[in-house]
């Protein structure tokens, strides 16, 4: 048998994606005028502060609810329609709370952008 060189076969889309990834140029600052750039930085900082609050609230929700239920084992004994209260609390509370938190964050981020 003759030794043949192994060749990687990729689709044209993969080659294009790799080529685009390598074609990036160095980062350059935006071409905003100084007044707009200053406003953009203020808006970005205000949105970052709101995002930090939202992430902290999400962490408190995701980690705090199980800790609360672990700290209060009496909630596992309380039953509603034969189901321990802890189960619906873990299933039904986090997701609507996350939706509310996302809407709250989006509303405040847009409000910051709309300010003059």
PDB file of N, CA and C in Angstrom:
ATOM      1  N   UNK A   1       0.834  -1.180   0.000  1.00  0.00           N
ATOM      2  CA  UNK A   1       0.000   0.000   0.000  1.00  0.00           C
ATOM      3  C   UNK A   1       0.874   1.237   0.000  1.00  0.00           C
ATOM      4  N   UNK A   2       0.414   2.192  -0.712  1.00  0.00           N
ATOM      5  CA  UNK A   2       1.156   3.452  -0.737  1.00  0.00           C
ATOM      6  C   UNK A   2       0.616   4.365   0.358  1.00  0.00           C
ATOM      7  N   UNK A   3       1.512   5.131   0.898  1.00  0.00           N
ATOM      8  CA  UNK A   3       1.122   6.088   1.942  1.00  0.00           C
ATOM      9  C   UNK A   3       0.541   7.328   1.284  1.00  0.00           C
ATOM     10  N   UNK A   4      -0.683   7.632   1.632  1.00  0.00           N
ATOM     11  CA  UNK A   4      -1.295   8.851   1.122  1.00  0.00           C
ATOM     12  C   UNK A   4      -1.418   9.844   2.265  1.00  0.00           C
ATOM     13  N   UNK A   5      -1.233  11.087   1.906  1.00  0.00           N
ATOM     14  CA  UNK A   5      -1.328  12.147   2.906  1.00  0.00           C
ATOM     15  C   UNK A   5      -2.799  12.370   3.240  1.00  0.00           C
ATOM     16  N   UNK A   6      -3.087  12.482   4.528  1.00  0.00           N
ATOM     17  CA  UNK A   6      -4.463  12.726   4.960  1.00  0.00           C
ATOM     18  C   UNK A   6      -4.782  14.204   4.790  1.00  0.00           C
ATOM     19  N   UNK A   7      -5.987  14.475   4.329  1.00  0.00           N
ATOM     20  CA  UNK A   7      -6.407  15.847   4.076  1.00  0.00           C
ATOM     21  C   UNK A   7      -7.712  16.097   4.832  1.00  0.00           C
ATOM     22  N   UNK A   8      -7.772  17.230   5.511  1.00  0.00           N
ATOM     23  CA  UNK A   8      -9.007  17.604   6.193  1.00  0.00           C
ATOM     24  C   UNK A   8      -9.985  18.165   5.174  1.00  0.00           C
ATOM     25  N   UNK A   9     -11.182  17.653   5.191  1.00  0.00           N
ATOM     26  CA  UNK A   9     -12.206  18.102   4.262  1.00  0.00           C
ATOM     27  C   UNK A   9     -13.205  18.947   5.051  1.00  0.00           C
ATOM     28  N   UNK A  10     -13.391  20.188   4.598  1.00  0.00           N
ATOM     29  CA  UNK A  10     -14.346  21.080   5.266  1.00  0.00           C
ATOM     30  C   UNK A  10     -15.268  21.694   4.228  1.00  0.00           C
ATOM     31  N   UNK A  11     -16.391  22.136   4.695  1.00  0.00           N
ATOM     32  CA  UNK A  11     -17.345  22.755   3.777  1.00  0.00           C
ATOM     33  C   UNK A  11     -16.882  24.164   3.433  1.00  0.00           C
ATOM     34  N   UNK A  12     -17.378  24.729   2.346  1.00  0.00           N
ATOM     35  CA  UNK A  12     -17.013  26.104   1.992  1.00  0.00           C
ATOM     36  C   UNK A  12     -17.416  27.106   3.079  1.00  0.00           C
ATOM     37  N   UNK A  13     -18.533  26.859   3.758  1.00  0.00           N
ATOM     38  CA  UNK A  13     -18.956  27.772   4.811  1.00  0.00           C
ATOM     39  C   UNK A  13     -17.955  27.785   5.960  1.00  0.00           C
ATOM     40  N   UNK A  14     -17.408  26.635   6.286  1.00  0.00           N
ATOM     41  CA  UNK A  14     -16.422  26.573   7.365  1.00  0.00           C
ATOM     42  C   UNK A  14     -15.180  27.355   6.984  1.00  0.00           C
ATOM     43  N   UNK A  15     -14.736  27.196   5.747  1.00  0.00           N
ATOM     44  CA  UNK A  15     -13.555  27.951   5.315  1.00  0.00           C
ATOM     45  C   UNK A  15     -13.819  29.444   5.347  1.00  0.00           C
ATOM     46  N   UNK A  16     -15.012  29.864   4.924  1.00  0.00           N
ATOM     47  CA  UNK A  16     -15.354  31.289   4.968  1.00  0.00           C
ATOM     48  C   UNK A  16     -15.392  31.799   6.398  1.00  0.00           C
ATOM     49  N   UNK A  17     -15.937  31.005   7.293  1.00  0.00           N
ATOM     50  CA  UNK A  17     -16.008  31.430   8.693  1.00  0.00           C
ATOM     51  C   UNK A  17     -14.614  31.585   9.276  1.00  0.00           C
ATOM     52  N   UNK A  18     -13.723  30.647   8.974  1.00  0.00           N
ATOM     53  CA  UNK A  18     -12.345  30.764   9.467  1.00  0.00           C
ATOM     54  C   UNK A  18     -11.649  31.973   8.854  1.00  0.00           C
ATOM     55  N   UNK A  19     -11.890  32.225   7.592  1.00  0.00           N
ATOM     56  CA  UNK A  19     -11.257  33.374   6.939  1.00  0.00           C
ATOM     57  C   UNK A  19     -11.767  34.678   7.542  1.00  0.00           C
ATOM     58  N   UNK A  20     -13.062  34.762   7.810  1.00  0.00           N
ATOM     59  CA  UNK A  20     -13.610  35.981   8.421  1.00  0.00           C
ATOM     60  C   UNK A  20     -13.045  36.192   9.817  1.00  0.00           C
ATOM     61  N   UNK A  21     -12.864  35.119  10.552  1.00  0.00           N
ATOM     62  CA  UNK A  21     -12.360  35.233  11.911  1.00  0.00           C
ATOM     63  C   UNK A  21     -10.934  35.788  11.915  1.00  0.00           C
ATOM     64  N   UNK A  22     -10.137  35.399  10.937  1.00  0.00           N
ATOM     65  CA  UNK A  22      -8.751  35.868  10.875  1.00  0.00           C
ATOM     66  C   UNK A  22      -8.638  37.265  10.283  1.00  0.00           C
ATOM     67  N   UNK A  23      -9.668  37.737   9.597  1.00  0.00           N
ATOM     68  CA  UNK A  23      -9.585  39.005   8.883  1.00  0.00           C
ATOM     69  C   UNK A  23      -9.868  40.215   9.767  1.00  0.00           C
ATOM     70  N   UNK A  24     -10.105  40.006  11.054  1.00  0.00           N
ATOM     71  CA  UNK A  24     -10.402  41.137  11.931  1.00  0.00           C
ATOM     72  C   UNK A  24      -9.197  42.056  12.050  1.00  0.00           C
ATOM     73  N   UNK A  25      -9.497  43.327  12.098  1.00  0.00           N
ATOM     74  CA  UNK A  25      -8.436  44.310  12.287  1.00  0.00           C
ATOM     75  C   UNK A  25      -8.376  44.692  13.755  1.00  0.00           C
ATOM     76  N   UNK A  26      -7.408  45.485  14.085  1.00  0.00           N
ATOM     77  CA  UNK A  26      -7.246  45.926  15.461  1.00  0.00           C
ATOM     78  C   UNK A  26      -8.419  46.814  15.870  1.00  0.00           C
ATOM     79  N   UNK A  27      -8.718  46.833  17.165  1.00  0.00           N
ATOM     80  CA  UNK A  27      -9.805  47.655  17.684  1.00  0.00           C
ATOM     81  C   UNK A  27      -9.456  49.114  17.501  1.00  0.00           C
ATOM     82  N   UNK A  28     -10.447  49.896  17.134  1.00  0.00           N
ATOM     83  CA  UNK A  28     -10.223  51.333  17.027  1.00  0.00           C
ATOM     84  C   UNK A  28     -11.411  52.045  17.658  1.00  0.00           C
ATOM     85  N   UNK A  29     -11.178  53.182  18.252  1.00  0.00           N
ATOM     86  CA  UNK A  29     -12.279  53.889  18.909  1.00  0.00           C
ATOM     87  C   UNK A  29     -13.316  54.362  17.899  1.00  0.00           C
ATOM     88  N   UNK A  30     -14.530  54.601  18.396  1.00  0.00           N
ATOM     89  CA  UNK A  30     -15.598  55.031  17.506  1.00  0.00           C
ATOM     90  C   UNK A  30     -15.333  56.443  17.009  1.00  0.00           C
ATOM     91  N   UNK A  31     -16.011  56.787  15.945  1.00  0.00           N
ATOM     92  CA  UNK A  31     -15.811  58.100  15.332  1.00  0.00           C
ATOM     93  C   UNK A  31     -16.882  59.088  15.794  1.00  0.00           C
ATOM     94  N   UNK A  32     -17.265  59.025  17.062  1.00  0.00           N
ATOM     95  CA  UNK A  32     -18.252  59.960  17.591  1.00  0.00           C
ATOM     96  C   UNK A  32     -17.580  61.287  17.907  1.00  0.00           C
ATOM     97  N   UNK A  33     -18.362  62.351  17.823  1.00  0.00           N
ATOM     98  CA  UNK A  33     -17.796  63.626  18.250  1.00  0.00           C
ATOM     99  C   UNK A  33     -17.712  63.609  19.782  1.00  0.00           C
ATOM    100  N   UNK A  34     -16.877  64.451  20.374  1.00  0.00           N
ATOM    101  CA  UNK A  34     -16.616  64.376  21.818  1.00  0.00           C
ATOM    102  C   UNK A  34     -17.872  64.459  22.691  1.00  0.00           C
ATOM    103  N   UNK A  35     -18.845  65.286  22.331  1.00  0.00           N
ATOM    104  CA  UNK A  35     -20.059  65.400  23.148  1.00  0.00           C
ATOM    105  C   UNK A  35     -20.852  64.093  23.128  1.00  0.00           C
ATOM    106  N   UNK A  36     -20.980  63.489  21.947  1.00  0.00           N
ATOM    107  CA  UNK A  36     -21.705  62.223  21.850  1.00  0.00           C
ATOM    108  C   UNK A  36     -20.942  61.098  22.541  1.00  0.00           C
ATOM    109  N   UNK A  37     -19.621  61.122  22.434  1.00  0.00           N
ATOM    110  CA  UNK A  37     -18.818  60.089  23.084  1.00  0.00           C
ATOM    111  C   UNK A  37     -18.964  60.181  24.603  1.00  0.00           C
ATOM    112  N   UNK A  38     -18.985  61.393  25.134  1.00  0.00           N
ATOM    113  CA  UNK A  38     -19.145  61.568  26.581  1.00  0.00           C
ATOM    114  C   UNK A  38     -20.522  61.075  27.029  1.00  0.00           C
ATOM    115  N   UNK A  39     -21.553  61.398  26.259  1.00  0.00           N
ATOM    116  CA  UNK A  39     -22.907  60.939  26.588  1.00  0.00           C
ATOM    117  C   UNK A  39     -22.993  59.415  26.501  1.00  0.00           C
ATOM    118  N   UNK A  40     -22.357  58.838  25.487  1.00  0.00           N
ATOM    119  CA  UNK A  40     -22.369  57.384  25.338  1.00  0.00           C
ATOM    120  C   UNK A  40     -21.706  56.716  26.540  1.00  0.00           C
ATOM    121  N   UNK A  41     -20.614  57.288  27.025  1.00  0.00           N
ATOM    122  CA  UNK A  41     -19.947  56.726  28.201  1.00  0.00           C
ATOM    123  C   UNK A  41     -20.834  56.836  29.440  1.00  0.00           C
ATOM    124  N   UNK A  42     -21.539  57.963  29.598  1.00  0.00           N
ATOM    125  CA  UNK A  42     -22.446  58.123  30.745  1.00  0.00           C
ATOM    126  C   UNK A  42     -23.585  57.106  30.682  1.00  0.00           C
ATOM    127  N   UNK A  43     -24.157  56.945  29.491  1.00  0.00           N
ATOM    128  CA  UNK A  43     -25.251  55.980  29.317  1.00  0.00           C
ATOM    129  C   UNK A  43     -24.751  54.572  29.612  1.00  0.00           C
ATOM    130  N   UNK A  44     -23.577  54.238  29.095  1.00  0.00           N
ATOM    131  CA  UNK A  44     -23.011  52.909  29.305  1.00  0.00           C
ATOM    132  C   UNK A  44     -22.761  52.657  30.788  1.00  0.00           C
ATOM    133  N   UNK A  45     -22.233  53.651  31.501  1.00  0.00           N
ATOM    134  CA  UNK A  45     -21.968  53.488  32.931  1.00  0.00           C
ATOM    135  C   UNK A  45     -23.271  53.305  33.708  1.00  0.00           C
ATOM    136  N   UNK A  46     -24.294  54.085  33.370  1.00  0.00           N
ATOM    137  CA  UNK A  46     -25.584  53.950  34.057  1.00  0.00           C
ATOM    138  C   UNK A  46     -26.206  52.583  33.784  1.00  0.00           C
ATOM    139  N   UNK A  47     -26.103  52.116  32.550  1.00  0.00           N
ATOM    140  CA  UNK A  47     -26.653  50.802  32.217  1.00  0.00           C
ATOM    141  C   UNK A  47     -25.868  49.687  32.906  1.00  0.00           C
ATOM    142  N   UNK A  48     -24.567  49.862  33.042  1.00  0.00           N
ATOM    143  CA  UNK A  48     -23.754  48.869  33.759  1.00  0.00           C
ATOM    144  C   UNK A  48     -24.155  48.782  35.222  1.00  0.00           C
ATOM    145  N   UNK A  49     -24.433  49.943  35.846  1.00  0.00           N
ATOM    146  CA  UNK A  49     -24.866  49.924  37.248  1.00  0.00           C
ATOM    147  C   UNK A  49     -26.183  49.164  37.381  1.00  0.00           C
ATOM    148  N   UNK A  50     -27.124  49.432  36.490  1.00  0.00           N
ATOM    149  CA  UNK A  50     -28.404  48.713  36.518  1.00  0.00           C
ATOM    150  C   UNK A  50     -28.191  47.222  36.264  1.00  0.00           C
ATOM    151  N   UNK A  51     -27.291  46.893  35.358  1.00  0.00           N
ATOM    152  CA  UNK A  51     -27.018  45.482  35.067  1.00  0.00           C
ATOM    153  C   UNK A  51     -26.427  44.788  36.286  1.00  0.00           C
ATOM    154  N   UNK A  52     -25.569  45.481  37.029  1.00  0.00           N
ATOM    155  CA  UNK A  52     -24.993  44.892  38.242  1.00  0.00           C
ATOM    156  C   UNK A  52     -26.084  44.603  39.267  1.00  0.00           C
ATOM    157  N   UNK A  53     -27.038  45.515  39.394  1.00  0.00           N
ATOM    158  CA  UNK A  53     -28.161  45.291  40.313  1.00  0.00           C
ATOM    159  C   UNK A  53     -28.991  44.095  39.844  1.00  0.00           C
ATOM    160  N   UNK A  54     -29.246  44.015  38.542  1.00  0.00           N
ATOM    161  CA  UNK A  54     -30.043  42.909  38.001  1.00  0.00           C
ATOM    162  C   UNK A  54     -29.332  41.571  38.196  1.00  0.00           C
ATOM    163  N   UNK A  55     -28.028  41.531  37.971  1.00  0.00           N
ATOM    164  CA  UNK A  55     -27.276  40.281  38.147  1.00  0.00           C
ATOM    165  C   UNK A  55     -27.241  39.887  39.621  1.00  0.00           C
ATOM    166  N   UNK A  56     -27.087  40.870  40.505  1.00  0.00           N
ATOM    167  CA  UNK A  56     -27.102  40.578  41.942  1.00  0.00           C
ATOM    168  C   UNK A  56     -28.467  40.032  42.366  1.00  0.00           C
ATOM    169  N   UNK A  57     -29.540  40.619  41.847  1.00  0.00           N
ATOM    170  CA  UNK A  57     -30.882  40.127  42.173  1.00  0.00           C
ATOM    171  C   UNK A  57     -31.094  38.719  41.621  1.00  0.00           C
ATOM    172  N   UNK A  58     -30.584  38.463  40.421  1.00  0.00           N
ATOM    173  CA  UNK A  58     -30.694  37.126  39.842  1.00  0.00           C
ATOM    174  C   UNK A  58     -29.927  36.112  40.688  1.00  0.00           C
ATOM    175  N   UNK A  59     -28.725  36.475  41.113  1.00  0.00           N
ATOM    176  CA  UNK A  59     -27.948  35.588  41.978  1.00  0.00           C
ATOM    177  C   UNK A  59     -28.645  35.330  43.301  1.00  0.00           C
ATOM    178  N   UNK A  60     -29.228  36.389  43.873  1.00  0.00           N
ATOM    179  CA  UNK A  60     -29.966  36.218  45.130  1.00  0.00           C
ATOM    180  C   UNK A  60     -31.157  35.286  44.931  1.00  0.00           C
ATOM    181  N   UNK A  61     -31.817  35.394  43.797  1.00  0.00           N
ATOM    182  CA  UNK A  61     -32.965  34.535  43.511  1.00  0.00           C
ATOM    183  C   UNK A  61     -32.528  33.089  43.298  1.00  0.00           C
ATOM    184  N   UNK A  62     -31.545  32.902  42.436  1.00  0.00           N
ATOM    185  CA  UNK A  62     -31.132  31.539  42.068  1.00  0.00           C
ATOM    186  C   UNK A  62     -30.478  30.811  43.238  1.00  0.00           C
ATOM    187  N   UNK A  63     -29.651  31.521  44.008  1.00  0.00           N
ATOM    188  CA  UNK A  63     -28.965  30.867  45.119  1.00  0.00           C
ATOM    189  C   UNK A  63     -29.704  31.053  46.443  1.00  0.00           C
ATOM    190  N   UNK A  64     -30.436  32.139  46.575  1.00  0.00           N
ATOM    191  CA  UNK A  64     -31.094  32.430  47.842  1.00  0.00           C
ATOM    192  C   UNK A  64     -32.306  31.571  48.120  1.00  0.00           C
ATOM    193  N   UNK A  65     -33.088  31.268  47.100  1.00  0.00           N
ATOM    194  CA  UNK A  65     -34.290  30.464  47.310  1.00  0.00           C
ATOM    195  C   UNK A  65     -33.954  29.061  47.820  1.00  0.00           C
ATOM    196  N   UNK A  66     -33.012  28.340  47.228  1.00  0.00           N
ATOM    197  CA  UNK A  66     -32.656  27.033  47.795  1.00  0.00           C
ATOM    198  C   UNK A  66     -32.058  27.143  49.201  1.00  0.00           C
ATOM    199  N   UNK A  67     -31.270  28.201  49.443  1.00  0.00           N
ATOM    200  CA  UNK A  67     -30.704  28.380  50.784  1.00  0.00           C
ATOM    201  C   UNK A  67     -31.827  28.635  51.787  1.00  0.00           C
ATOM    202  N   UNK A  68     -32.792  29.463  51.404  1.00  0.00           N
ATOM    203  CA  UNK A  68     -33.931  29.746  52.279  1.00  0.00           C
ATOM    204  C   UNK A  68     -34.718  28.475  52.575  1.00  0.00           C
ATOM    205  N   UNK A  69     -34.977  27.688  51.548  1.00  0.00           N
ATOM    206  CA  UNK A  69     -35.725  26.451  51.757  1.00  0.00           C
ATOM    207  C   UNK A  69     -34.922  25.441  52.567  1.00  0.00           C
ATOM    208  N   UNK A  70     -33.605  25.466  52.432  1.00  0.00           N
ATOM    209  CA  UNK A  70     -32.770  24.588  53.249  1.00  0.00           C
ATOM    210  C   UNK A  70     -32.693  25.050  54.692  1.00  0.00           C
ATOM    211  N   UNK A  71     -32.727  26.364  54.891  1.00  0.00           N
ATOM    212  CA  UNK A  71     -32.648  26.913  56.249  1.00  0.00           C
ATOM    213  C   UNK A  71     -33.971  26.762  56.995  1.00  0.00           C
ATOM    214  N   UNK A  72     -35.062  26.698  56.261  1.00  0.00           N
ATOM    215  CA  UNK A  72     -36.386  26.546  56.878  1.00  0.00           C
ATOM    216  C   UNK A  72     -37.003  25.214  56.450  1.00  0.00           C
ATOM    217  N   UNK A  73     -36.575  24.107  57.049  1.00  0.00           N
ATOM    218  CA  UNK A  73     -37.101  22.803  56.627  1.00  0.00           C
ATOM    219  C   UNK A  73     -38.591  22.638  56.906  1.00  0.00           C
ATOM    220  N   UNK A  74     -39.151  23.532  57.713  1.00  0.00           N
ATOM    221  CA  UNK A  74     -40.585  23.446  57.974  1.00  0.00           C
ATOM    222  C   UNK A  74     -41.384  23.661  56.686  1.00  0.00           C
ATOM    223  N   UNK A  75     -40.811  24.388  55.712  1.00  0.00           N
ATOM    224  CA  UNK A  75     -41.507  24.599  54.442  1.00  0.00           C
ATOM    225  C   UNK A  75     -41.661  23.303  53.653  1.00  0.00           C
ATOM    226  N   UNK A  76     -40.783  22.342  53.891  1.00  0.00           N
ATOM    227  CA  UNK A  76     -40.910  21.049  53.214  1.00  0.00           C
ATOM    228  C   UNK A  76     -42.029  20.219  53.832  1.00  0.00           C
ATOM    229  N   UNK A  77     -42.372  20.546  55.073  1.00  0.00           N
ATOM    230  CA  UNK A  77     -43.427  19.795  55.748  1.00  0.00           C
ATOM    231  C   UNK A  77     -44.815  20.379  55.468  1.00  0.00           C
ATOM    232  N   UNK A  78     -44.877  21.678  55.194  1.00  0.00           N
ATOM    233  CA  UNK A  78     -46.160  22.318  54.896  1.00  0.00           C
ATOM    234  C   UNK A  78     -46.618  21.850  53.520  1.00  0.00           C
ATOM    235  N   UNK A  79     -47.876  21.413  53.464  1.00  0.00           N
ATOM    236  CA  UNK A  79     -48.392  20.886  52.196  1.00  0.00           C
ATOM    237  C   UNK A  79     -49.593  21.693  51.735  1.00  0.00           C
ATOM    238  N   UNK A  80     -49.648  21.877  50.428  1.00  0.00           N
ATOM    239  CA  UNK A  80     -50.772  22.549  49.790  1.00  0.00           C
ATOM    240  C   UNK A  80     -51.285  21.609  48.709  1.00  0.00           C
ATOM    241  N   UNK A  81     -52.503  21.124  48.861  1.00  0.00           N
ATOM    242  CA  UNK A  81     -53.084  20.126  47.951  1.00  0.00           C
ATOM    243  C   UNK A  81     -52.236  18.854  47.911  1.00  0.00           C
ATOM    244  N   UNK A  82     -51.638  18.510  49.033  1.00  0.00           N
ATOM    245  CA  UNK A  82     -50.836  17.299  49.137  1.00  0.00           C
ATOM    246  C   UNK A  82     -49.418  17.421  48.610  1.00  0.00           C
ATOM    247  N   UNK A  83     -49.020  18.609  48.180  1.00  0.00           N
ATOM    248  CA  UNK A  83     -47.679  18.832  47.624  1.00  0.00           C
ATOM    249  C   UNK A  83     -46.907  19.720  48.591  1.00  0.00           C
ATOM    250  N   UNK A  84     -45.654  19.367  48.912  1.00  0.00           N
ATOM    251  CA  UNK A  84     -44.862  20.246  49.783  1.00  0.00           C
ATOM    252  C   UNK A  84     -44.712  21.632  49.152  1.00  0.00           C
ATOM    253  N   UNK A  85     -44.844  22.675  49.955  1.00  0.00           N
ATOM    254  CA  UNK A  85     -44.798  24.054  49.465  1.00  0.00           C
ATOM    255  C   UNK A  85     -43.447  24.360  48.818  1.00  0.00           C
ATOM    256  N   UNK A  86     -42.404  23.686  49.240  1.00  0.00           N
ATOM    257  CA  UNK A  86     -41.067  23.947  48.696  1.00  0.00           C
ATOM    258  C   UNK A  86     -40.997  23.628  47.201  1.00  0.00           C
ATOM    259  N   UNK A  87     -41.694  22.616  46.751  1.00  0.00           N
ATOM    260  CA  UNK A  87     -41.609  22.238  45.340  1.00  0.00           C
ATOM    261  C   UNK A  87     -42.162  23.310  44.415  1.00  0.00           C
ATOM    262  N   UNK A  88     -43.404  23.763  44.622  1.00  0.00           N
ATOM    263  CA  UNK A  88     -43.879  24.849  43.749  1.00  0.00           C
ATOM    264  C   UNK A  88     -43.048  26.118  43.896  1.00  0.00           C
ATOM    265  N   UNK A  89     -42.505  26.339  45.092  1.00  0.00           N
ATOM    266  CA  UNK A  89     -41.665  27.532  45.277  1.00  0.00           C
ATOM    267  C   UNK A  89     -40.428  27.456  44.387  1.00  0.00           C
ATOM    268  N   UNK A  90     -39.847  26.276  44.257  1.00  0.00           N
ATOM    269  CA  UNK A  90     -38.659  26.124  43.411  1.00  0.00           C
ATOM    270  C   UNK A  90     -38.992  26.147  41.925  1.00  0.00           C
ATOM    271  N   UNK A  91     -40.213  25.755  41.568  1.00  0.00           N
ATOM    272  CA  UNK A  91     -40.582  25.673  40.159  1.00  0.00           C
ATOM    273  C   UNK A  91     -41.309  26.926  39.681  1.00  0.00           C
ATOM    274  N   UNK A  92     -42.224  27.438  40.474  1.00  0.00           N
ATOM    275  CA  UNK A  92     -43.098  28.512  40.015  1.00  0.00           C
ATOM    276  C   UNK A  92     -42.598  29.915  40.336  1.00  0.00           C
ATOM    277  N   UNK A  93     -41.731  30.070  41.302  1.00  0.00           N
ATOM    278  CA  UNK A  93     -41.272  31.410  41.682  1.00  0.00           C
ATOM    279  C   UNK A  93     -40.142  31.925  40.791  1.00  0.00           C
ATOM    280  N   UNK A  94     -39.088  31.150  40.510  1.00  0.00           N
ATOM    281  CA  UNK A  94     -37.929  31.728  39.815  1.00  0.00           C
ATOM    282  C   UNK A  94     -38.213  32.237  38.407  1.00  0.00           C
ATOM    283  N   UNK A  95     -38.970  31.520  37.612  1.00  0.00           N
ATOM    284  CA  UNK A  95     -39.105  31.906  36.209  1.00  0.00           C
ATOM    285  C   UNK A  95     -39.921  33.183  36.015  1.00  0.00           C
ATOM    286  N   UNK A  96     -41.078  33.339  36.656  1.00  0.00           N
ATOM    287  CA  UNK A  96     -41.747  34.640  36.549  1.00  0.00           C
ATOM    288  C   UNK A  96     -40.903  35.769  37.137  1.00  0.00           C
ATOM    289  N   UNK A  97     -40.161  35.471  38.192  1.00  0.00           N
ATOM    290  CA  UNK A  97     -39.294  36.501  38.775  1.00  0.00           C
ATOM    291  C   UNK A  97     -38.186  36.887  37.797  1.00  0.00           C
ATOM    292  N   UNK A  98     -37.640  35.919  37.069  1.00  0.00           N
ATOM    293  CA  UNK A  98     -36.602  36.235  36.082  1.00  0.00           C
ATOM    294  C   UNK A  98     -37.173  37.049  34.926  1.00  0.00           C
ATOM    295  N   UNK A  99     -38.385  36.729  34.497  1.00  0.00           N
ATOM    296  CA  UNK A  99     -39.026  37.507  33.432  1.00  0.00           C
ATOM    297  C   UNK A  99     -39.248  38.935  33.905  1.00  0.00           C
ATOM    298  N   UNK A 100     -39.748  39.094  35.126  1.00  0.00           N
ATOM    299  CA  UNK A 100     -39.955  40.435  35.675  1.00  0.00           C
ATOM    300  C   UNK A 100     -38.633  41.188  35.768  1.00  0.00           C
ATOM    301  N   UNK A 101     -37.582  40.513  36.226  1.00  0.00           N
ATOM    302  CA  UNK A 101     -36.269  41.144  36.360  1.00  0.00           C
ATOM    303  C   UNK A 101     -35.731  41.574  34.997  1.00  0.00           C
ATOM    304  N   UNK A 102     -35.916  40.751  33.974  1.00  0.00           N
ATOM    305  CA  UNK A 102     -35.461  41.107  32.623  1.00  0.00           C
ATOM    306  C   UNK A 102     -36.224  42.314  32.097  1.00  0.00           C
ATOM    307  N   UNK A 103     -37.532  42.341  32.302  1.00  0.00           N
ATOM    308  CA  UNK A 103     -38.329  43.495  31.854  1.00  0.00           C
ATOM    309  C   UNK A 103     -37.928  44.759  32.606  1.00  0.00           C
ATOM    310  N   UNK A 104     -37.698  44.625  33.917  1.00  0.00           N
ATOM    311  CA  UNK A 104     -37.277  45.762  34.737  1.00  0.00           C
ATOM    312  C   UNK A 104     -35.960  46.333  34.210  1.00  0.00           C
ATOM    313  N   UNK A 105     -35.005  45.442  33.956  1.00  0.00           N
ATOM    314  CA  UNK A 105     -33.697  45.884  33.474  1.00  0.00           C
ATOM    315  C   UNK A 105     -33.818  46.545  32.100  1.00  0.00           C
ATOM    316  N   UNK A 106     -34.568  45.942  31.202  1.00  0.00           N
ATOM    317  CA  UNK A 106     -34.733  46.505  29.861  1.00  0.00           C
ATOM    318  C   UNK A 106     -35.411  47.867  29.918  1.00  0.00           C
ATOM    319  N   UNK A 107     -36.460  47.986  30.727  1.00  0.00           N
ATOM    320  CA  UNK A 107     -37.169  49.260  30.845  1.00  0.00           C
ATOM    321  C   UNK A 107     -36.239  50.358  31.358  1.00  0.00           C
ATOM    322  N   UNK A 108     -35.427  50.047  32.365  1.00  0.00           N
ATOM    323  CA  UNK A 108     -34.516  51.054  32.911  1.00  0.00           C
ATOM    324  C   UNK A 108     -33.371  51.369  31.946  1.00  0.00           C
ATOM    325  N   UNK A 109     -32.880  50.371  31.232  1.00  0.00           N
ATOM    326  CA  UNK A 109     -31.809  50.625  30.261  1.00  0.00           C
ATOM    327  C   UNK A 109     -32.310  51.524  29.139  1.00  0.00           C
ATOM    328  N   UNK A 110     -33.531  51.282  28.667  1.00  0.00           N
ATOM    329  CA  UNK A 110     -34.086  52.137  27.613  1.00  0.00           C
ATOM    330  C   UNK A 110     -34.387  53.534  28.136  1.00  0.00           C
ATOM    331  N   UNK A 111     -34.820  53.631  29.380  1.00  0.00           N
ATOM    332  CA  UNK A 111     -35.097  54.936  29.972  1.00  0.00           C
ATOM    333  C   UNK A 111     -33.812  55.762  30.065  1.00  0.00           C
ATOM    334  N   UNK A 112     -32.705  55.120  30.402  1.00  0.00           N
ATOM    335  CA  UNK A 112     -31.419  55.823  30.464  1.00  0.00           C
ATOM    336  C   UNK A 112     -31.031  56.326  29.079  1.00  0.00           C
ATOM    337  N   UNK A 113     -31.265  55.521  28.044  1.00  0.00           N
ATOM    338  CA  UNK A 113     -30.933  55.942  26.678  1.00  0.00           C
ATOM    339  C   UNK A 113     -31.800  57.103  26.210  1.00  0.00           C
ATOM    340  N   UNK A 114     -33.048  57.148  26.660  1.00  0.00           N
ATOM    341  CA  UNK A 114     -33.968  58.190  26.198  1.00  0.00           C
ATOM    342  C   UNK A 114     -33.764  59.528  26.888  1.00  0.00           C
ATOM    343  N   UNK A 115     -33.040  59.537  28.003  1.00  0.00           N
ATOM    344  CA  UNK A 115     -32.794  60.807  28.695  1.00  0.00           C
ATOM    345  C   UNK A 115     -31.956  61.726  27.817  1.00  0.00           C
ATOM    346  N   UNK A 116     -32.219  63.046  27.897  1.00  0.00           N
ATOM    347  CA  UNK A 116     -31.403  63.993  27.096  1.00  0.00           C
ATOM    348  C   UNK A 116     -30.001  64.161  27.646  1.00  0.00           C
TER     349      UNK A 116
END
